[in-house]
Amino acid sequence: GFLLPPAQFEAAFVSMAHTLDDVR
């Protein structure tokens, strides 16, 4: 259920919508 960039040459981001529970 986690959509990351399809290449490791791109960055993923945490946003203001994310919580500590999301990170965990």
mmCIF file of all heavy atoms, coordinates in Angstrom:
data_MODEL
# 
_entry.id   MODEL 
# 
loop_
_atom_site.group_PDB 
_atom_site.id 
_atom_site.type_symbol 
_atom_site.label_atom_id 
_atom_site.label_alt_id 
_atom_site.label_comp_id 
_atom_site.label_asym_id 
_atom_site.label_entity_id 
_atom_site.label_seq_id 
_atom_site.pdbx_PDB_ins_code 
_atom_site.Cartn_x 
_atom_site.Cartn_y 
_atom_site.Cartn_z 
_atom_site.occupancy 
_atom_site.B_iso_or_equiv 
_atom_site.pdbx_formal_charge 
_atom_site.auth_seq_id 
_atom_site.auth_comp_id 
_atom_site.auth_asym_id 
_atom_site.auth_atom_id 
_atom_site.pdbx_PDB_model_num 
ATOM 1   N N   . GLY A 1 1  ? 0.770  -1.241 0.000   1.00 0.00 ? 1  GLY A N   1 
ATOM 2   C CA  . GLY A 1 1  ? 0.000  0.000  0.000   1.00 0.00 ? 1  GLY A CA  1 
ATOM 3   C C   . GLY A 1 1  ? 0.798  1.286  0.000   1.00 0.00 ? 1  GLY A C   1 
ATOM 4   O O   . GLY A 1 1  ? 0.235  2.358  0.236   1.00 0.00 ? 1  GLY A O   1 
ATOM 5   N N   . PHE A 1 2  ? 2.096  1.208  -0.273  1.00 0.00 ? 2  PHE A N   1 
ATOM 6   C CA  . PHE A 1 2  ? 2.929  2.406  -0.281  1.00 0.00 ? 2  PHE A CA  1 
ATOM 7   C C   . PHE A 1 2  ? 3.471  2.654  -1.681  1.00 0.00 ? 2  PHE A C   1 
ATOM 8   O O   . PHE A 1 2  ? 4.210  1.826  -2.216  1.00 0.00 ? 2  PHE A O   1 
ATOM 9   C CB  . PHE A 1 2  ? 4.085  2.272  0.718   1.00 0.00 ? 2  PHE A CB  1 
ATOM 10  C CG  . PHE A 1 2  ? 3.612  2.238  2.139   1.00 0.00 ? 2  PHE A CG  1 
ATOM 11  C CD1 . PHE A 1 2  ? 3.367  1.023  2.762   1.00 0.00 ? 2  PHE A CD1 1 
ATOM 12  C CD2 . PHE A 1 2  ? 3.364  3.410  2.834   1.00 0.00 ? 2  PHE A CD2 1 
ATOM 13  C CE1 . PHE A 1 2  ? 2.902  0.970  4.064   1.00 0.00 ? 2  PHE A CE1 1 
ATOM 14  C CE2 . PHE A 1 2  ? 2.900  3.370  4.136   1.00 0.00 ? 2  PHE A CE2 1 
ATOM 15  C CZ  . PHE A 1 2  ? 2.668  2.150  4.752   1.00 0.00 ? 2  PHE A CZ  1 
ATOM 16  N N   . LEU A 1 3  ? 3.091  3.768  -2.265  1.00 0.00 ? 3  LEU A N   1 
ATOM 17  C CA  . LEU A 1 3  ? 3.515  4.116  -3.614  1.00 0.00 ? 3  LEU A CA  1 
ATOM 18  C C   . LEU A 1 3  ? 4.731  5.024  -3.537  1.00 0.00 ? 3  LEU A C   1 
ATOM 19  O O   . LEU A 1 3  ? 4.646  6.176  -3.117  1.00 0.00 ? 3  LEU A O   1 
ATOM 20  C CB  . LEU A 1 3  ? 2.388  4.818  -4.379  1.00 0.00 ? 3  LEU A CB  1 
ATOM 21  C CG  . LEU A 1 3  ? 2.718  5.275  -5.790  1.00 0.00 ? 3  LEU A CG  1 
ATOM 22  C CD1 . LEU A 1 3  ? 3.131  4.096  -6.666  1.00 0.00 ? 3  LEU A CD1 1 
ATOM 23  C CD2 . LEU A 1 3  ? 1.535  6.008  -6.393  1.00 0.00 ? 3  LEU A CD2 1 
ATOM 24  N N   . LEU A 1 4  ? 5.878  4.483  -3.935  1.00 0.00 ? 4  LEU A N   1 
ATOM 25  C CA  . LEU A 1 4  ? 7.135  5.232  -3.980  1.00 0.00 ? 4  LEU A CA  1 
ATOM 26  C C   . LEU A 1 4  ? 7.423  5.634  -5.426  1.00 0.00 ? 4  LEU A C   1 
ATOM 27  O O   . LEU A 1 4  ? 6.836  5.074  -6.348  1.00 0.00 ? 4  LEU A O   1 
ATOM 28  C CB  . LEU A 1 4  ? 8.280  4.359  -3.455  1.00 0.00 ? 4  LEU A CB  1 
ATOM 29  C CG  . LEU A 1 4  ? 8.223  4.012  -1.977  1.00 0.00 ? 4  LEU A CG  1 
ATOM 30  C CD1 . LEU A 1 4  ? 9.243  2.935  -1.643  1.00 0.00 ? 4  LEU A CD1 1 
ATOM 31  C CD2 . LEU A 1 4  ? 8.466  5.254  -1.147  1.00 0.00 ? 4  LEU A CD2 1 
ATOM 32  N N   . PRO A 1 5  ? 8.352  6.538  -5.640  1.00 0.00 ? 5  PRO A N   1 
ATOM 33  C CA  . PRO A 1 5  ? 8.769  6.808  -7.016  1.00 0.00 ? 5  PRO A CA  1 
ATOM 34  C C   . PRO A 1 5  ? 9.302  5.516  -7.634  1.00 0.00 ? 5  PRO A C   1 
ATOM 35  O O   . PRO A 1 5  ? 9.970  4.734  -6.952  1.00 0.00 ? 5  PRO A O   1 
ATOM 36  C CB  . PRO A 1 5  ? 9.880  7.836  -6.870  1.00 0.00 ? 5  PRO A CB  1 
ATOM 37  C CG  . PRO A 1 5  ? 9.640  8.477  -5.555  1.00 0.00 ? 5  PRO A CG  1 
ATOM 38  C CD  . PRO A 1 5  ? 9.050  7.392  -4.683  1.00 0.00 ? 5  PRO A CD  1 
ATOM 39  N N   . PRO A 1 6  ? 9.029  5.261  -8.906  1.00 0.00 ? 6  PRO A N   1 
ATOM 40  C CA  . PRO A 1 6  ? 9.441  4.004  -9.523  1.00 0.00 ? 6  PRO A CA  1 
ATOM 41  C C   . PRO A 1 6  ? 10.943 3.887  -9.767  1.00 0.00 ? 6  PRO A C   1 
ATOM 42  O O   . PRO A 1 6  ? 11.411 2.815  -10.129 1.00 0.00 ? 6  PRO A O   1 
ATOM 43  C CB  . PRO A 1 6  ? 8.668  3.981  -10.843 1.00 0.00 ? 6  PRO A CB  1 
ATOM 44  C CG  . PRO A 1 6  ? 8.369  5.406  -11.124 1.00 0.00 ? 6  PRO A CG  1 
ATOM 45  C CD  . PRO A 1 6  ? 8.238  6.083  -9.801  1.00 0.00 ? 6  PRO A CD  1 
ATOM 46  N N   . ALA A 1 7  ? 11.694 4.945  -9.552  1.00 0.00 ? 7  ALA A N   1 
ATOM 47  C CA  . ALA A 1 7  ? 13.150 4.901  -9.725  1.00 0.00 ? 7  ALA A CA  1 
ATOM 48  C C   . ALA A 1 7  ? 13.807 5.505  -8.496  1.00 0.00 ? 7  ALA A C   1 
ATOM 49  O O   . ALA A 1 7  ? 13.312 6.489  -7.943  1.00 0.00 ? 7  ALA A O   1 
ATOM 50  C CB  . ALA A 1 7  ? 13.573 5.664  -10.976 1.00 0.00 ? 7  ALA A CB  1 
ATOM 51  N N   . GLN A 1 8  ? 14.933 4.940  -8.106  1.00 0.00 ? 8  GLN A N   1 
ATOM 52  C CA  . GLN A 1 8  ? 15.606 5.467  -6.922  1.00 0.00 ? 8  GLN A CA  1 
ATOM 53  C C   . GLN A 1 8  ? 16.304 6.797  -7.188  1.00 0.00 ? 8  GLN A C   1 
ATOM 54  O O   . GLN A 1 8  ? 16.889 7.386  -6.285  1.00 0.00 ? 8  GLN A O   1 
ATOM 55  C CB  . GLN A 1 8  ? 16.579 4.443  -6.352  1.00 0.00 ? 8  GLN A CB  1 
ATOM 56  C CG  . GLN A 1 8  ? 17.714 4.068  -7.253  1.00 0.00 ? 8  GLN A CG  1 
ATOM 57  C CD  . GLN A 1 8  ? 18.545 2.924  -6.695  1.00 0.00 ? 8  GLN A CD  1 
ATOM 58  O OE1 . GLN A 1 8  ? 18.314 2.409  -5.614  1.00 0.00 ? 8  GLN A OE1 1 
ATOM 59  N NE2 . GLN A 1 8  ? 19.533 2.527  -7.456  1.00 0.00 ? 8  GLN A NE2 1 
ATOM 60  N N   . PHE A 1 9  ? 16.213 7.307  -8.407  1.00 0.00 ? 9  PHE A N   1 
ATOM 61  C CA  . PHE A 1 9  ? 16.802 8.603  -8.733  1.00 0.00 ? 9  PHE A CA  1 
ATOM 62  C C   . PHE A 1 9  ? 15.806 9.737  -8.499  1.00 0.00 ? 9  PHE A C   1 
ATOM 63  O O   . PHE A 1 9  ? 16.086 10.889 -8.787  1.00 0.00 ? 9  PHE A O   1 
ATOM 64  C CB  . PHE A 1 9  ? 17.304 8.611  -10.181 1.00 0.00 ? 9  PHE A CB  1 
ATOM 65  C CG  . PHE A 1 9  ? 18.318 7.535  -10.427 1.00 0.00 ? 9  PHE A CG  1 
ATOM 66  C CD1 . PHE A 1 9  ? 18.008 6.444  -11.213 1.00 0.00 ? 9  PHE A CD1 1 
ATOM 67  C CD2 . PHE A 1 9  ? 19.576 7.576  -9.838  1.00 0.00 ? 9  PHE A CD2 1 
ATOM 68  C CE1 . PHE A 1 9  ? 18.926 5.428  -11.428 1.00 0.00 ? 9  PHE A CE1 1 
ATOM 69  C CE2 . PHE A 1 9  ? 20.499 6.573  -10.035 1.00 0.00 ? 9  PHE A CE2 1 
ATOM 70  C CZ  . PHE A 1 9  ? 20.177 5.495  -10.832 1.00 0.00 ? 9  PHE A CZ  1 
ATOM 71  N N   . GLU A 1 10 ? 14.641 9.397  -8.006  1.00 0.00 ? 10 GLU A N   1 
ATOM 72  C CA  . GLU A 1 10 ? 13.628 10.381 -7.646  1.00 0.00 ? 10 GLU A CA  1 
ATOM 73  C C   . GLU A 1 10 ? 13.452 10.332 -6.133  1.00 0.00 ? 10 GLU A C   1 
ATOM 74  O O   . GLU A 1 10 ? 13.842 9.369  -5.490  1.00 0.00 ? 10 GLU A O   1 
ATOM 75  C CB  . GLU A 1 10 ? 12.304 10.051 -8.320  1.00 0.00 ? 10 GLU A CB  1 
ATOM 76  C CG  . GLU A 1 10 ? 12.367 10.019 -9.831  1.00 0.00 ? 10 GLU A CG  1 
ATOM 77  C CD  . GLU A 1 10 ? 11.055 9.598  -10.442 1.00 0.00 ? 10 GLU A CD  1 
ATOM 78  O OE1 . GLU A 1 10 ? 10.026 10.220 -10.106 1.00 0.00 ? 10 GLU A OE1 1 
ATOM 79  O OE2 . GLU A 1 10 ? 11.060 8.638  -11.222 1.00 0.00 ? 10 GLU A OE2 1 
ATOM 80  N N   . ALA A 1 11 ? 12.841 11.345 -5.576  1.00 0.00 ? 11 ALA A N   1 
ATOM 81  C CA  . ALA A 1 11 ? 12.650 11.394 -4.131  1.00 0.00 ? 11 ALA A CA  1 
ATOM 82  C C   . ALA A 1 11 ? 11.196 11.140 -3.767  1.00 0.00 ? 11 ALA A C   1 
ATOM 83  O O   . ALA A 1 11 ? 10.284 11.489 -4.503  1.00 0.00 ? 11 ALA A O   1 
ATOM 84  C CB  . ALA A 1 11 ? 13.073 12.756 -3.596  1.00 0.00 ? 11 ALA A CB  1 
ATOM 85  N N   . ALA A 1 12 ? 11.024 10.516 -2.614  1.00 0.00 ? 12 ALA A N   1 
ATOM 86  C CA  . ALA A 1 12 ? 9.708  10.405 -1.988  1.00 0.00 ? 12 ALA A CA  1 
ATOM 87  C C   . ALA A 1 12 ? 9.633  11.519 -0.945  1.00 0.00 ? 12 ALA A C   1 
ATOM 88  O O   . ALA A 1 12 ? 10.669 12.075 -0.553  1.00 0.00 ? 12 ALA A O   1 
ATOM 89  C CB  . ALA A 1 12 ? 9.548  9.037  -1.334  1.00 0.00 ? 12 ALA A CB  1 
ATOM 90  N N   . PHE A 1 13 ? 8.441  11.833 -0.498  1.00 0.00 ? 13 PHE A N   1 
ATOM 91  C CA  . PHE A 1 13 ? 8.278  12.935 0.451   1.00 0.00 ? 13 PHE A CA  1 
ATOM 92  C C   . PHE A 1 13 ? 7.304  12.568 1.544   1.00 0.00 ? 13 PHE A C   1 
ATOM 93  O O   . PHE A 1 13 ? 6.324  11.874 1.296   1.00 0.00 ? 13 PHE A O   1 
ATOM 94  C CB  . PHE A 1 13 ? 7.703  14.178 -0.255  1.00 0.00 ? 13 PHE A CB  1 
ATOM 95  C CG  . PHE A 1 13 ? 8.586  14.740 -1.325  1.00 0.00 ? 13 PHE A CG  1 
ATOM 96  C CD1 . PHE A 1 13 ? 8.519  14.252 -2.617  1.00 0.00 ? 13 PHE A CD1 1 
ATOM 97  C CD2 . PHE A 1 13 ? 9.481  15.748 -1.031  1.00 0.00 ? 13 PHE A CD2 1 
ATOM 98  C CE1 . PHE A 1 13 ? 9.321  14.769 -3.611  1.00 0.00 ? 13 PHE A CE1 1 
ATOM 99  C CE2 . PHE A 1 13 ? 10.295 16.266 -2.017  1.00 0.00 ? 13 PHE A CE2 1 
ATOM 100 C CZ  . PHE A 1 13 ? 10.213 15.779 -3.316  1.00 0.00 ? 13 PHE A CZ  1 
ATOM 101 N N   . VAL A 1 14 ? 7.558  13.071 2.740   1.00 0.00 ? 14 VAL A N   1 
ATOM 102 C CA  . VAL A 1 14 ? 6.516  13.117 3.757   1.00 0.00 ? 14 VAL A CA  1 
ATOM 103 C C   . VAL A 1 14 ? 5.908  14.509 3.642   1.00 0.00 ? 14 VAL A C   1 
ATOM 104 O O   . VAL A 1 14 ? 6.574  15.455 3.217   1.00 0.00 ? 14 VAL A O   1 
ATOM 105 C CB  . VAL A 1 14 ? 7.043  12.849 5.188   1.00 0.00 ? 14 VAL A CB  1 
ATOM 106 C CG1 . VAL A 1 14 ? 7.475  11.399 5.334   1.00 0.00 ? 14 VAL A CG1 1 
ATOM 107 C CG2 . VAL A 1 14 ? 8.152  13.781 5.575   1.00 0.00 ? 14 VAL A CG2 1 
ATOM 108 N N   . SER A 1 15 ? 4.635  14.610 4.000   1.00 0.00 ? 15 SER A N   1 
ATOM 109 C CA  . SER A 1 15 ? 3.940  15.889 3.869   1.00 0.00 ? 15 SER A CA  1 
ATOM 110 C C   . SER A 1 15 ? 3.210  16.215 5.163   1.00 0.00 ? 15 SER A C   1 
ATOM 111 O O   . SER A 1 15 ? 3.191  15.415 6.102   1.00 0.00 ? 15 SER A O   1 
ATOM 112 C CB  . SER A 1 15 ? 2.938  15.818 2.716   1.00 0.00 ? 15 SER A CB  1 
ATOM 113 O OG  . SER A 1 15 ? 1.821  15.035 3.090   1.00 0.00 ? 15 SER A OG  1 
ATOM 114 N N   . MET A 1 16 ? 2.571  17.366 5.177   1.00 0.00 ? 16 MET A N   1 
ATOM 115 C CA  . MET A 1 16 ? 1.804  17.775 6.355   1.00 0.00 ? 16 MET A CA  1 
ATOM 116 C C   . MET A 1 16 ? 0.597  16.862 6.571   1.00 0.00 ? 16 MET A C   1 
ATOM 117 O O   . MET A 1 16 ? 0.029  16.844 7.653   1.00 0.00 ? 16 MET A O   1 
ATOM 118 C CB  . MET A 1 16 ? 1.349  19.230 6.206   1.00 0.00 ? 16 MET A CB  1 
ATOM 119 C CG  . MET A 1 16 ? 2.494  20.230 6.194   1.00 0.00 ? 16 MET A CG  1 
ATOM 120 S SD  . MET A 1 16 ? 3.472  20.183 7.714   1.00 0.00 ? 16 MET A SD  1 
ATOM 121 C CE  . MET A 1 16 ? 2.268  20.713 8.912   1.00 0.00 ? 16 MET A CE  1 
ATOM 122 N N   . ALA A 1 17 ? 0.222  16.099 5.567   1.00 0.00 ? 17 ALA A N   1 
ATOM 123 C CA  . ALA A 1 17 ? -0.898 15.165 5.714   1.00 0.00 ? 17 ALA A CA  1 
ATOM 124 C C   . ALA A 1 17 ? -0.471 13.894 6.435   1.00 0.00 ? 17 ALA A C   1 
ATOM 125 O O   . ALA A 1 17 ? -1.316 13.154 6.935   1.00 0.00 ? 17 ALA A O   1 
ATOM 126 C CB  . ALA A 1 17 ? -1.475 14.816 4.340   1.00 0.00 ? 17 ALA A CB  1 
ATOM 127 N N   . HIS A 1 18 ? 0.830  13.619 6.501   1.00 0.00 ? 18 HIS A N   1 
ATOM 128 C CA  . HIS A 1 18 ? 1.328  12.410 7.143   1.00 0.00 ? 18 HIS A CA  1 
ATOM 129 C C   . HIS A 1 18 ? 1.441  12.587 8.651   1.00 0.00 ? 18 HIS A C   1 
ATOM 130 O O   . HIS A 1 18 ? 1.664  13.687 9.154   1.00 0.00 ? 18 HIS A O   1 
ATOM 131 C CB  . HIS A 1 18 ? 2.696  12.018 6.566   1.00 0.00 ? 18 HIS A CB  1 
ATOM 132 C CG  . HIS A 1 18 ? 2.627  11.568 5.151   1.00 0.00 ? 18 HIS A CG  1 
ATOM 133 N ND1 . HIS A 1 18 ? 3.148  12.290 4.109   1.00 0.00 ? 18 HIS A ND1 1 
ATOM 134 C CD2 . HIS A 1 18 ? 2.070  10.467 4.602   1.00 0.00 ? 18 HIS A CD2 1 
ATOM 135 C CE1 . HIS A 1 18 ? 2.926  11.647 2.979   1.00 0.00 ? 18 HIS A CE1 1 
ATOM 136 N NE2 . HIS A 1 18 ? 2.266  10.545 3.248   1.00 0.00 ? 18 HIS A NE2 1 
ATOM 137 N N   . THR A 1 19 ? 1.329  11.470 9.339   1.00 0.00 ? 19 THR A N   1 
ATOM 138 C CA  . THR A 1 19 ? 1.448  11.456 10.794  1.00 0.00 ? 19 THR A CA  1 
ATOM 139 C C   . THR A 1 19 ? 2.585  10.520 11.194  1.00 0.00 ? 19 THR A C   1 
ATOM 140 O O   . THR A 1 19 ? 3.109  9.771  10.362  1.00 0.00 ? 19 THR A O   1 
ATOM 141 C CB  . THR A 1 19 ? 0.139  10.949 11.441  1.00 0.00 ? 19 THR A CB  1 
ATOM 142 O OG1 . THR A 1 19 ? -0.037 9.566  11.059  1.00 0.00 ? 19 THR A OG1 1 
ATOM 143 C CG2 . THR A 1 19 ? -1.059 11.780 11.007  1.00 0.00 ? 19 THR A CG2 1 
ATOM 144 N N   . LEU A 1 20 ? 2.904  10.531 12.467  1.00 0.00 ? 20 LEU A N   1 
ATOM 145 C CA  . LEU A 1 20 ? 3.901  9.602  12.993  1.00 0.00 ? 20 LEU A CA  1 
ATOM 146 C C   . LEU A 1 20 ? 3.441  8.160  12.788  1.00 0.00 ? 20 LEU A C   1 
ATOM 147 O O   . LEU A 1 20 ? 4.257  7.282  12.493  1.00 0.00 ? 20 LEU A O   1 
ATOM 148 C CB  . LEU A 1 20 ? 4.163  9.898  14.471  1.00 0.00 ? 20 LEU A CB  1 
ATOM 149 C CG  . LEU A 1 20 ? 5.367  9.244  15.116  1.00 0.00 ? 20 LEU A CG  1 
ATOM 150 C CD1 . LEU A 1 20 ? 6.640  9.495  14.307  1.00 0.00 ? 20 LEU A CD1 1 
ATOM 151 C CD2 . LEU A 1 20 ? 5.531  9.739  16.533  1.00 0.00 ? 20 LEU A CD2 1 
ATOM 152 N N   . ASP A 1 21 ? 2.146  7.909  12.901  1.00 0.00 ? 21 ASP A N   1 
ATOM 153 C CA  . ASP A 1 21 ? 1.617  6.565  12.648  1.00 0.00 ? 21 ASP A CA  1 
ATOM 154 C C   . ASP A 1 21 ? 1.849  6.152  11.195  1.00 0.00 ? 21 ASP A C   1 
ATOM 155 O O   . ASP A 1 21 ? 2.142  4.984  10.915  1.00 0.00 ? 21 ASP A O   1 
ATOM 156 C CB  . ASP A 1 21 ? 0.128  6.483  12.982  1.00 0.00 ? 21 ASP A CB  1 
ATOM 157 C CG  . ASP A 1 21 ? -0.128 6.484  14.491  1.00 0.00 ? 21 ASP A CG  1 
ATOM 158 O OD1 . ASP A 1 21 ? 0.805  6.175  15.261  1.00 0.00 ? 21 ASP A OD1 1 
ATOM 159 O OD2 . ASP A 1 21 ? -1.272 6.796  14.876  1.00 0.00 ? 21 ASP A OD2 1 
ATOM 160 N N   . ASP A 1 22 ? 1.717  7.095  10.263  1.00 0.00 ? 22 ASP A N   1 
ATOM 161 C CA  . ASP A 1 22 ? 1.991  6.793  8.853   1.00 0.00 ? 22 ASP A CA  1 
ATOM 162 C C   . ASP A 1 22 ? 3.453  6.408  8.659   1.00 0.00 ? 22 ASP A C   1 
ATOM 163 O O   . ASP A 1 22 ? 3.761  5.462  7.928   1.00 0.00 ? 22 ASP A O   1 
ATOM 164 C CB  . ASP A 1 22 ? 1.671  7.998  7.959   1.00 0.00 ? 22 ASP A CB  1 
ATOM 165 C CG  . ASP A 1 22 ? 0.200  8.355  7.948   1.00 0.00 ? 22 ASP A CG  1 
ATOM 166 O OD1 . ASP A 1 22 ? -0.646 7.438  8.002   1.00 0.00 ? 22 ASP A OD1 1 
ATOM 167 O OD2 . ASP A 1 22 ? -0.097 9.570  7.887   1.00 0.00 ? 22 ASP A OD2 1 
ATOM 168 N N   . VAL A 1 23 ? 4.347  7.143  9.303   1.00 0.00 ? 23 VAL A N   1 
ATOM 169 C CA  . VAL A 1 23 ? 5.782  6.840  9.205   1.00 0.00 ? 23 VAL A CA  1 
ATOM 170 C C   . VAL A 1 23 ? 6.056  5.460  9.782   1.00 0.00 ? 23 VAL A C   1 
ATOM 171 O O   . VAL A 1 23 ? 6.789  4.669  9.190   1.00 0.00 ? 23 VAL A O   1 
ATOM 172 C CB  . VAL A 1 23 ? 6.623  7.933  9.911   1.00 0.00 ? 23 VAL A CB  1 
ATOM 173 C CG1 . VAL A 1 23 ? 8.073  7.497  10.064  1.00 0.00 ? 23 VAL A CG1 1 
ATOM 174 C CG2 . VAL A 1 23 ? 6.531  9.247  9.136   1.00 0.00 ? 23 VAL A CG2 1 
ATOM 175 N N   . ARG A 1 24 ? 5.455  5.161  10.918  1.00 0.00 ? 24 ARG A N   1 
ATOM 176 C CA  . ARG A 1 24 ? 5.651  3.833  11.534  1.00 0.00 ? 24 ARG A CA  1 
ATOM 177 C C   . ARG A 1 24 ? 5.147  2.720  10.620  1.00 0.00 ? 24 ARG A C   1 
ATOM 178 O O   . ARG A 1 24 ? 5.792  1.677  10.481  1.00 0.00 ? 24 ARG A O   1 
ATOM 179 C CB  . ARG A 1 24 ? 4.951  3.770  12.882  1.00 0.00 ? 24 ARG A CB  1 
ATOM 180 C CG  . ARG A 1 24 ? 5.641  4.579  13.952  1.00 0.00 ? 24 ARG A CG  1 
ATOM 181 C CD  . ARG A 1 24 ? 4.919  4.465  15.279  1.00 0.00 ? 24 ARG A CD  1 
ATOM 182 N NE  . ARG A 1 24 ? 5.537  5.299  16.277  1.00 0.00 ? 24 ARG A NE  1 
ATOM 183 C CZ  . ARG A 1 24 ? 4.869  6.161  17.051  1.00 0.00 ? 24 ARG A CZ  1 
ATOM 184 N NH1 . ARG A 1 24 ? 3.550  6.251  16.958  1.00 0.00 ? 24 ARG A NH1 1 
ATOM 185 N NH2 . ARG A 1 24 ? 5.505  6.893  17.930  1.00 0.00 ? 24 ARG A NH2 1 
# 
